[in-house]
Amino acid sequence: MSEYPYEGKIHSDDKVNYSTVYSSDGIRIGKVEAAFAESFIVKNEMENKEVKYEIPRLDIVSIIKGSITLKLKKSDVDQYYETSSINKI
């Protein structure tokens, strides 16, 4: 079994893969780590913390040149779609 949890589930030709995601108020959320049929996983690595979000594709406003803009503000993304938060040592 692979240590990468999304092995075999990622569609490599999906246009959301590897894109940088921004909230409607222009704040960087992170980079797309995996894309699924109805949602995508976004990973944000900070200095001492890693946060992941699972965001529905229906919340995308635009995809332009490797950049995704969402319908929601950063605070709403944190409230509704944050799936994990890990403090790094």
N, C-alpha and C. Protein backbone atom coordinates (compact mmCIF):
# COMPACT_ATOMS: atom_id res chain seq x y z
N MET A 1 0.84 -1.19 0.00
CA MET A 1 0.00 0.00 0.00
C MET A 1 0.88 1.25 0.00
N SER A 2 0.51 2.18 -0.81
CA SER A 2 1.25 3.43 -0.92
C SER A 2 1.03 4.30 0.30
N GLU A 3 2.04 5.10 0.64
CA GLU A 3 1.88 6.04 1.76
C GLU A 3 1.13 7.29 1.33
N TYR A 4 1.01 7.50 0.03
CA TYR A 4 0.27 8.65 -0.47
C TYR A 4 -1.21 8.29 -0.53
N PRO A 5 -2.08 8.94 0.25
CA PRO A 5 -3.47 8.50 0.38
C PRO A 5 -4.32 8.63 -0.88
N TYR A 6 -3.88 9.40 -1.88
CA TYR A 6 -4.70 9.62 -3.06
C TYR A 6 -4.21 8.82 -4.26
N GLU A 7 -3.31 7.87 -4.05
CA GLU A 7 -2.76 7.04 -5.12
C GLU A 7 -3.91 6.37 -5.89
N GLY A 8 -3.91 6.51 -7.19
CA GLY A 8 -4.92 5.88 -8.02
C GLY A 8 -6.25 6.62 -8.09
N LYS A 9 -6.40 7.72 -7.36
CA LYS A 9 -7.66 8.47 -7.35
C LYS A 9 -7.55 9.80 -8.09
N ILE A 10 -6.35 10.18 -8.47
CA ILE A 10 -6.13 11.49 -9.08
C ILE A 10 -6.21 11.39 -10.59
N HIS A 11 -6.94 12.29 -11.21
CA HIS A 11 -7.00 12.36 -12.66
C HIS A 11 -5.92 13.35 -13.10
N SER A 12 -4.80 12.85 -13.63
CA SER A 12 -3.65 13.70 -13.90
C SER A 12 -3.92 14.78 -14.95
N ASP A 13 -4.88 14.57 -15.82
CA ASP A 13 -5.16 15.56 -16.86
C ASP A 13 -6.23 16.57 -16.42
N ASP A 14 -6.68 16.49 -15.18
CA ASP A 14 -7.68 17.41 -14.65
C ASP A 14 -7.09 18.82 -14.55
N LYS A 15 -7.81 19.82 -15.03
CA LYS A 15 -7.26 21.18 -15.07
C LYS A 15 -7.11 21.84 -13.70
N VAL A 16 -7.71 21.28 -12.65
CA VAL A 16 -7.52 21.87 -11.33
C VAL A 16 -6.23 21.40 -10.65
N ASN A 17 -5.67 20.29 -11.09
CA ASN A 17 -4.46 19.76 -10.47
C ASN A 17 -3.33 20.79 -10.46
N TYR A 18 -2.66 20.87 -9.33
CA TYR A 18 -1.47 21.71 -9.13
C TYR A 18 -1.77 23.21 -9.21
N SER A 19 -3.03 23.60 -9.23
CA SER A 19 -3.38 25.01 -9.27
C SER A 19 -3.29 25.62 -7.88
N THR A 20 -3.08 26.93 -7.84
CA THR A 20 -3.12 27.67 -6.58
C THR A 20 -4.54 28.18 -6.39
N VAL A 21 -5.06 28.02 -5.17
CA VAL A 21 -6.45 28.37 -4.88
C VAL A 21 -6.52 29.64 -4.04
N TYR A 22 -7.41 30.55 -4.45
CA TYR A 22 -7.62 31.82 -3.75
C TYR A 22 -9.08 31.97 -3.36
N SER A 23 -9.33 32.62 -2.24
CA SER A 23 -10.69 32.91 -1.81
C SER A 23 -11.23 34.10 -2.59
N SER A 24 -12.51 34.39 -2.45
CA SER A 24 -13.11 35.52 -3.16
C SER A 24 -12.55 36.86 -2.72
N ASP A 25 -11.99 36.91 -1.49
CA ASP A 25 -11.38 38.15 -1.02
C ASP A 25 -9.88 38.20 -1.30
N GLY A 26 -9.39 37.31 -2.19
CA GLY A 26 -8.01 37.38 -2.68
C GLY A 26 -6.95 36.74 -1.80
N ILE A 27 -7.33 36.01 -0.79
CA ILE A 27 -6.37 35.38 0.12
C ILE A 27 -6.02 33.99 -0.42
N ARG A 28 -4.72 33.69 -0.42
CA ARG A 28 -4.24 32.38 -0.91
C ARG A 28 -4.65 31.30 0.08
N ILE A 29 -5.35 30.26 -0.42
CA ILE A 29 -5.78 29.13 0.40
C ILE A 29 -4.71 28.04 0.40
N GLY A 30 -4.13 27.76 -0.76
CA GLY A 30 -3.10 26.72 -0.89
C GLY A 30 -3.04 26.18 -2.30
N LYS A 31 -2.42 24.99 -2.45
CA LYS A 31 -2.30 24.35 -3.77
C LYS A 31 -3.13 23.08 -3.78
N VAL A 32 -3.68 22.77 -4.96
CA VAL A 32 -4.46 21.55 -5.12
C VAL A 32 -3.54 20.35 -5.01
N GLU A 33 -3.89 19.44 -4.12
CA GLU A 33 -3.11 18.23 -3.91
C GLU A 33 -3.73 17.04 -4.65
N ALA A 34 -5.04 16.99 -4.73
CA ALA A 34 -5.74 15.90 -5.41
C ALA A 34 -7.08 16.40 -5.91
N ALA A 35 -7.48 15.89 -7.09
CA ALA A 35 -8.75 16.27 -7.67
C ALA A 35 -9.64 15.05 -7.83
N PHE A 36 -10.88 15.18 -7.40
CA PHE A 36 -11.86 14.12 -7.51
C PHE A 36 -13.02 14.61 -8.38
N ALA A 37 -13.98 13.76 -8.63
CA ALA A 37 -15.09 14.11 -9.53
C ALA A 37 -15.89 15.31 -9.03
N GLU A 38 -16.17 15.38 -7.73
CA GLU A 38 -17.03 16.45 -7.22
C GLU A 38 -16.33 17.42 -6.28
N SER A 39 -15.06 17.15 -5.93
CA SER A 39 -14.33 18.03 -5.01
C SER A 39 -12.83 17.93 -5.29
N PHE A 40 -12.08 18.73 -4.55
CA PHE A 40 -10.62 18.67 -4.65
C PHE A 40 -10.02 18.99 -3.28
N ILE A 41 -8.84 18.43 -3.04
CA ILE A 41 -8.14 18.62 -1.77
C ILE A 41 -7.09 19.72 -1.97
N VAL A 42 -7.10 20.69 -1.06
CA VAL A 42 -6.14 21.79 -1.09
C VAL A 42 -5.27 21.69 0.15
N LYS A 43 -3.97 21.83 -0.06
CA LYS A 43 -3.00 21.75 1.03
C LYS A 43 -2.29 23.10 1.17
N ASN A 44 -2.24 23.60 2.40
CA ASN A 44 -1.53 24.84 2.69
C ASN A 44 -0.48 24.55 3.75
N GLU A 45 0.79 24.70 3.37
CA GLU A 45 1.87 24.49 4.32
C GLU A 45 2.41 25.83 4.77
N MET A 46 2.34 26.04 6.07
CA MET A 46 2.88 27.25 6.67
C MET A 46 4.14 26.88 7.43
N GLU A 47 4.73 27.84 8.08
CA GLU A 47 5.99 27.64 8.79
C GLU A 47 5.92 26.48 9.79
N ASN A 48 4.89 26.41 10.59
CA ASN A 48 4.81 25.37 11.62
C ASN A 48 3.46 24.65 11.62
N LYS A 49 2.73 24.73 10.50
CA LYS A 49 1.39 24.13 10.45
C LYS A 49 1.05 23.70 9.02
N GLU A 50 0.29 22.62 8.91
CA GLU A 50 -0.21 22.16 7.62
C GLU A 50 -1.73 22.06 7.73
N VAL A 51 -2.43 22.70 6.80
CA VAL A 51 -3.89 22.68 6.82
C VAL A 51 -4.37 22.11 5.49
N LYS A 52 -5.42 21.27 5.55
CA LYS A 52 -6.02 20.71 4.34
C LYS A 52 -7.51 21.02 4.31
N TYR A 53 -7.99 21.21 3.11
CA TYR A 53 -9.39 21.52 2.86
C TYR A 53 -9.91 20.58 1.78
N GLU A 54 -11.17 20.19 1.89
CA GLU A 54 -11.83 19.49 0.78
C GLU A 54 -12.94 20.42 0.30
N ILE A 55 -12.76 20.93 -0.91
CA ILE A 55 -13.64 21.98 -1.44
C ILE A 55 -14.45 21.43 -2.62
N PRO A 56 -15.77 21.62 -2.60
CA PRO A 56 -16.60 21.17 -3.73
C PRO A 56 -16.28 21.98 -4.99
N ARG A 57 -16.31 21.32 -6.13
CA ARG A 57 -16.07 22.02 -7.39
C ARG A 57 -17.13 23.09 -7.65
N LEU A 58 -18.30 22.95 -7.09
CA LEU A 58 -19.36 23.93 -7.29
C LEU A 58 -19.00 25.31 -6.71
N ASP A 59 -18.00 25.38 -5.85
CA ASP A 59 -17.59 26.65 -5.26
C ASP A 59 -16.51 27.37 -6.07
N ILE A 60 -16.17 26.84 -7.24
CA ILE A 60 -15.19 27.50 -8.11
C ILE A 60 -15.89 28.58 -8.94
N VAL A 61 -15.30 29.78 -8.95
CA VAL A 61 -15.81 30.86 -9.80
C VAL A 61 -15.06 30.85 -11.13
N SER A 62 -13.71 30.70 -11.04
CA SER A 62 -12.92 30.72 -12.27
C SER A 62 -11.64 29.91 -12.12
N ILE A 63 -11.16 29.42 -13.25
CA ILE A 63 -9.86 28.75 -13.35
C ILE A 63 -9.13 29.43 -14.50
N ILE A 64 -8.06 30.16 -14.17
CA ILE A 64 -7.31 30.89 -15.18
C ILE A 64 -5.82 30.65 -14.96
N LYS A 65 -5.16 30.05 -15.93
CA LYS A 65 -3.70 29.84 -15.93
C LYS A 65 -3.17 29.35 -14.59
N GLY A 66 -3.67 28.22 -14.13
CA GLY A 66 -3.16 27.62 -12.91
C GLY A 66 -3.60 28.31 -11.62
N SER A 67 -4.63 29.11 -11.71
CA SER A 67 -5.13 29.83 -10.54
C SER A 67 -6.65 29.63 -10.44
N ILE A 68 -7.11 29.18 -9.27
CA ILE A 68 -8.53 28.96 -9.04
C ILE A 68 -9.03 30.01 -8.06
N THR A 69 -10.16 30.63 -8.38
CA THR A 69 -10.80 31.57 -7.47
C THR A 69 -12.13 30.95 -7.02
N LEU A 70 -12.36 31.02 -5.72
CA LEU A 70 -13.58 30.45 -5.14
C LEU A 70 -14.65 31.51 -4.93
N LYS A 71 -15.89 31.06 -4.68
CA LYS A 71 -17.01 31.95 -4.38
C LYS A 71 -16.96 32.47 -2.95
N LEU A 72 -16.26 31.76 -2.07
CA LEU A 72 -16.29 32.04 -0.64
C LEU A 72 -15.11 32.88 -0.15
N LYS A 73 -15.33 33.59 0.93
CA LYS A 73 -14.25 34.31 1.61
C LYS A 73 -13.40 33.30 2.39
N LYS A 74 -12.19 33.70 2.75
CA LYS A 74 -11.26 32.82 3.48
C LYS A 74 -11.87 32.30 4.77
N SER A 75 -12.54 33.14 5.53
CA SER A 75 -13.13 32.72 6.79
C SER A 75 -14.19 31.63 6.59
N ASP A 76 -14.95 31.72 5.50
CA ASP A 76 -15.96 30.70 5.19
C ASP A 76 -15.31 29.38 4.77
N VAL A 77 -14.24 29.47 4.00
CA VAL A 77 -13.50 28.26 3.58
C VAL A 77 -12.97 27.56 4.82
N ASP A 78 -12.39 28.32 5.75
CA ASP A 78 -11.88 27.73 7.00
C ASP A 78 -13.00 27.07 7.80
N GLN A 79 -14.12 27.74 7.87
CA GLN A 79 -15.24 27.24 8.68
C GLN A 79 -15.89 25.99 8.10
N TYR A 80 -16.11 25.97 6.79
CA TYR A 80 -16.88 24.89 6.19
C TYR A 80 -16.06 23.75 5.59
N TYR A 81 -14.84 24.01 5.13
CA TYR A 81 -14.12 22.99 4.35
C TYR A 81 -12.80 22.51 4.92
N GLU A 82 -12.35 23.07 6.04
CA GLU A 82 -11.10 22.59 6.63
C GLU A 82 -11.32 21.16 7.14
N THR A 83 -10.46 20.24 6.70
CA THR A 83 -10.61 18.84 7.10
C THR A 83 -9.54 18.42 8.11
N SER A 84 -8.38 19.07 8.09
CA SER A 84 -7.36 18.73 9.07
C SER A 84 -6.39 19.89 9.25
N SER A 85 -5.81 19.92 10.44
CA SER A 85 -4.82 20.94 10.78
C SER A 85 -3.78 20.25 11.66
N ILE A 86 -2.53 20.25 11.20
CA ILE A 86 -1.48 19.55 11.90
C ILE A 86 -0.35 20.52 12.23
N ASN A 87 0.01 20.60 13.50
CA ASN A 87 1.15 21.41 13.90
C ASN A 87 2.42 20.61 13.64
N LYS A 88 3.40 21.28 13.00
CA LYS A 88 4.68 20.64 12.71
C LYS A 88 5.65 20.93 13.85
N ILE A 89 6.50 19.98 14.09
CA ILE A 89 7.49 20.16 15.16
C ILE A 89 8.75 20.79 14.61
